[in-house]
Amino acid sequence: MAYKTAIVNKTIFVTGGTGFIGGHLARELVKQGHEVVLIARGRDTRDREIRSLPNATFVQCGLDSAEKLADAFAGCEAVTHCG
């Protein structure tokens, strides 16, 4: 018997979200219907379109900024670390 599983859309936090791997992952997650919160230390100019990705929020801060991270994590249901 074949089972179908429903994909539950989530809000997913992606560190390194403007980098090569994080950017590709973010695009795929959005394509699958998820919302993403992208975090990066700086502005990577190689992929200017990543910040205008639909259903994505970009947060510029390092992993050492506890207050900004706490705000960015609010409402996220999963985390992926690409940075």
C-alpha atoms as a PDB file:
ATOM      1  CA  MET A   1       0.000   0.000   0.000  1.00  0.00           C
ATOM      2  CA  ALA A   2       1.382   3.387  -0.964  1.00  0.00           C
ATOM      3  CA  TYR A   3       1.167   6.208   1.543  1.00  0.00           C
ATOM      4  CA  LYS A   4       1.043   9.856   0.676  1.00  0.00           C
ATOM      5  CA  THR A   5       2.576  12.262   3.105  1.00  0.00           C
ATOM      6  CA  ALA A   6       1.483  15.863   3.291  1.00  0.00           C
ATOM      7  CA  ILE A   7       4.239  18.406   3.219  1.00  0.00           C
ATOM      8  CA  VAL A   8       3.594  20.864   5.973  1.00  0.00           C
ATOM      9  CA  ASN A   9       4.814  24.320   5.098  1.00  0.00           C
ATOM     10  CA  LYS A  10       7.186  25.677   7.697  1.00  0.00           C
ATOM     11  CA  THR A  11       9.188  28.788   8.425  1.00  0.00           C
ATOM     12  CA  ILE A  12      12.816  27.746   8.111  1.00  0.00           C
ATOM     13  CA  PHE A  13      15.851  29.688   9.340  1.00  0.00           C
ATOM     14  CA  VAL A  14      18.859  29.438   6.986  1.00  0.00           C
ATOM     15  CA  THR A  15      22.272  30.616   8.158  1.00  0.00           C
ATOM     16  CA  GLY A  16      24.562  31.532   5.284  1.00  0.00           C
ATOM     17  CA  GLY A  17      21.427  32.229   3.284  1.00  0.00           C
ATOM     18  CA  THR A  18      23.146  34.436   0.712  1.00  0.00           C
ATOM     19  CA  GLY A  19      25.967  31.991   0.025  1.00  0.00           C
ATOM     20  CA  PHE A  20      26.111  29.377  -2.714  1.00  0.00           C
ATOM     21  CA  ILE A  21      24.612  26.453  -0.789  1.00  0.00           C
ATOM     22  CA  GLY A  22      22.294  28.510   1.418  1.00  0.00           C
ATOM     23  CA  GLY A  23      20.930  30.427  -1.560  1.00  0.00           C
ATOM     24  CA  HIS A  24      20.178  27.269  -3.520  1.00  0.00           C
ATOM     25  CA  LEU A  25      18.578  25.688  -0.469  1.00  0.00           C
ATOM     26  CA  ALA A  26      16.451  28.799   0.168  1.00  0.00           C
ATOM     27  CA  ARG A  27      15.174  28.808  -3.413  1.00  0.00           C
ATOM     28  CA  GLU A  28      14.229  25.138  -3.202  1.00  0.00           C
ATOM     29  CA  LEU A  29      12.475  25.592   0.139  1.00  0.00           C
ATOM     30  CA  VAL A  30      10.452  28.529  -1.220  1.00  0.00           C
ATOM     31  CA  LYS A  31       9.634  26.516  -4.330  1.00  0.00           C
ATOM     32  CA  GLN A  32       8.232  23.797  -2.044  1.00  0.00           C
ATOM     33  CA  GLY A  33       6.005  26.352  -0.305  1.00  0.00           C
ATOM     34  CA  HIS A  34       8.041  27.155   2.797  1.00  0.00           C
ATOM     35  CA  GLU A  35       8.883  30.585   4.141  1.00  0.00           C
ATOM     36  CA  VAL A  36      12.553  31.224   4.838  1.00  0.00           C
ATOM     37  CA  VAL A  37      14.483  33.586   7.073  1.00  0.00           C
ATOM     38  CA  LEU A  38      17.922  34.132   5.555  1.00  0.00           C
ATOM     39  CA  ILE A  39      20.740  35.311   7.760  1.00  0.00           C
ATOM     40  CA  ALA A  40      24.189  36.379   6.618  1.00  0.00           C
ATOM     41  CA  ARG A  41      27.063  38.382   8.103  1.00  0.00           C
ATOM     42  CA  GLY A  42      27.299  40.689   5.135  1.00  0.00           C
ATOM     43  CA  ARG A  43      25.916  41.417   1.731  1.00  0.00           C
ATOM     44  CA  ASP A  44      27.168  38.910  -0.816  1.00  0.00           C
ATOM     45  CA  THR A  45      26.940  40.718  -4.146  1.00  0.00           C
ATOM     46  CA  ARG A  46      27.299  37.586  -6.275  1.00  0.00           C
ATOM     47  CA  ASP A  47      23.585  36.794  -5.948  1.00  0.00           C
ATOM     48  CA  ARG A  48      21.648  40.050  -5.750  1.00  0.00           C
ATOM     49  CA  GLU A  49      18.282  38.350  -6.361  1.00  0.00           C
ATOM     50  CA  ILE A  50      18.333  36.271  -3.167  1.00  0.00           C
ATOM     51  CA  ARG A  51      17.145  39.226  -1.062  1.00  0.00           C
ATOM     52  CA  SER A  52      14.041  39.668  -3.237  1.00  0.00           C
ATOM     53  CA  LEU A  53      13.049  36.006  -3.111  1.00  0.00           C
ATOM     54  CA  PRO A  54       9.300  35.686  -2.465  1.00  0.00           C
ATOM     55  CA  ASN A  55       8.381  34.367   0.997  1.00  0.00           C
ATOM     56  CA  ALA A  56      11.861  35.191   2.272  1.00  0.00           C
ATOM     57  CA  THR A  57      13.095  37.607   4.908  1.00  0.00           C
ATOM     58  CA  PHE A  58      16.735  38.707   4.963  1.00  0.00           C
ATOM     59  CA  VAL A  59      18.487  39.506   8.256  1.00  0.00           C
ATOM     60  CA  GLN A  60      22.015  40.885   8.206  1.00  0.00           C
ATOM     61  CA  CYS A  61      23.887  39.912  11.367  1.00  0.00           C
ATOM     62  CA  GLY A  62      26.553  37.565  12.622  1.00  0.00           C
ATOM     63  CA  LEU A  63      25.983  34.513  14.760  1.00  0.00           C
ATOM     64  CA  ASP A  64      27.396  36.476  17.702  1.00  0.00           C
ATOM     65  CA  SER A  65      24.493  38.954  17.772  1.00  0.00           C
ATOM     66  CA  ALA A  66      22.183  37.297  20.318  1.00  0.00           C
ATOM     67  CA  GLU A  67      19.411  39.911  20.241  1.00  0.00           C
ATOM     68  CA  LYS A  68      19.116  40.007  16.438  1.00  0.00           C
ATOM     69  CA  LEU A  69      19.243  36.214  16.275  1.00  0.00           C
ATOM     70  CA  ALA A  70      16.496  35.852  18.869  1.00  0.00           C
ATOM     71  CA  ASP A  71      14.270  38.196  16.872  1.00  0.00           C
ATOM     72  CA  ALA A  72      15.060  36.388  13.606  1.00  0.00           C
ATOM     73  CA  PHE A  73      14.423  32.934  15.141  1.00  0.00           C
ATOM     74  CA  ALA A  74      10.976  33.983  16.426  1.00  0.00           C
ATOM     75  CA  GLY A  75       8.372  31.857  14.670  1.00  0.00           C
ATOM     76  CA  CYS A  76      10.854  29.583  12.912  1.00  0.00           C
ATOM     77  CA  GLU A  77      10.087  25.878  13.067  1.00  0.00           C
ATOM     78  CA  ALA A  78      13.351  24.512  11.668  1.00  0.00           C
ATOM     79  CA  VAL A  79      16.966  25.624  11.255  1.00  0.00           C
ATOM     80  CA  THR A  80      19.554  24.739   8.665  1.00  0.00           C
ATOM     81  CA  HIS A  81      23.162  25.870   9.100  1.00  0.00           C
ATOM     82  CA  CYS A  82      24.934  26.630   5.815  1.00  0.00           C
ATOM     83  CA  GLY A  83      27.294  29.345   7.004  1.00  0.00           C
END
